[in-house]
Amino acid sequence: MIVHPTNARLAEDVDLVVKHKSPLVIAGVGNPARVVDAIRGYVGVVFSDVASSNMPDAWQKPEWMV
């Protein structure tokens, strides 16, 4: 899923993922926080490319990686 702000159908894509409770979402080209927040309700998993170390709190490294 392209999560860049220029994706005009991002909201529709996220709604579709939630509707079908996709267990795995691959997010790219942008901040995946919106997708992570949306699928948190049914415990899905998001894989994302990370181009910045300024990750949101939801993406902090687990203790075993510190």
Protein backbone atom coordinates (compact mmCIF):
# COMPACT_ATOMS: atom_id res chain seq x y z
CA MET A 1 0.00 0.00 0.00
CA ILE A 2 1.35 3.40 -0.97
CA VAL A 3 1.00 5.57 2.15
CA HIS A 4 2.43 8.78 0.67
CA PRO A 5 0.15 11.81 1.23
CA THR A 6 -0.30 12.19 -2.53
CA ASN A 7 -2.14 8.85 -2.71
CA ALA A 8 -5.67 10.14 -3.27
CA ARG A 9 -7.27 6.80 -2.35
CA LEU A 10 -5.32 6.12 0.83
CA ALA A 11 -8.38 6.41 3.08
CA GLU A 12 -10.31 3.99 0.86
CA ASP A 13 -7.38 1.55 0.83
CA VAL A 14 -7.09 1.63 4.62
CA ASP A 15 -10.85 1.09 4.98
CA LEU A 16 -10.64 -1.92 2.66
CA VAL A 17 -7.75 -3.44 4.61
CA VAL A 18 -9.69 -3.04 7.86
CA LYS A 19 -12.92 -4.40 6.33
CA HIS A 20 -11.19 -7.61 5.26
CA LYS A 21 -8.92 -7.73 8.32
CA SER A 22 -5.82 -8.29 6.24
CA PRO A 23 -3.33 -10.04 8.52
CA LEU A 24 -0.33 -8.48 6.75
CA VAL A 25 0.02 -5.06 5.15
CA ILE A 26 3.11 -3.87 3.30
CA ALA A 27 3.31 -0.08 3.46
CA GLY A 28 5.75 1.97 1.45
CA VAL A 29 6.64 5.47 0.31
CA GLY A 30 5.50 7.31 3.40
CA ASN A 31 4.70 7.25 7.10
CA PRO A 32 2.78 4.04 7.96
CA ALA A 33 1.35 5.40 11.23
CA ARG A 34 -2.18 5.75 9.79
CA VAL A 35 -2.18 2.10 8.71
CA VAL A 36 -0.68 0.92 12.01
CA ASP A 37 -3.36 2.79 13.96
CA ALA A 38 -6.14 1.38 11.77
CA ILE A 39 -5.16 -2.29 12.04
CA ARG A 40 -4.30 -2.17 15.72
CA GLY A 41 -7.92 -3.06 16.50
CA TYR A 42 -7.61 -6.53 15.01
CA VAL A 43 -3.88 -7.09 15.61
CA GLY A 44 -2.59 -7.09 12.04
CA VAL A 45 1.07 -6.71 11.12
CA VAL A 46 2.58 -3.89 9.04
CA PHE A 47 5.88 -4.19 7.21
CA SER A 48 7.25 -0.87 6.06
CA ASP A 49 10.32 0.63 4.48
CA VAL A 50 11.87 3.10 6.90
CA ALA A 51 13.75 5.99 5.37
CA SER A 52 14.09 8.01 8.58
CA SER A 53 15.18 7.34 12.12
CA ASN A 54 12.45 9.72 13.32
CA MET A 55 9.92 6.93 13.83
CA PRO A 56 6.65 7.46 15.72
CA ASP A 57 6.28 6.00 19.24
CA ALA A 58 4.41 2.99 17.86
CA TRP A 59 7.61 2.05 16.00
CA GLN A 60 10.11 2.15 18.86
CA LYS A 61 12.61 -0.68 18.93
CA PRO A 62 11.66 -3.62 21.14
CA GLU A 63 13.81 -4.03 24.28
CA TRP A 64 15.69 -6.96 22.79
CA MET A 65 16.93 -4.73 19.93
CA VAL A 66 18.27 -1.96 22.18
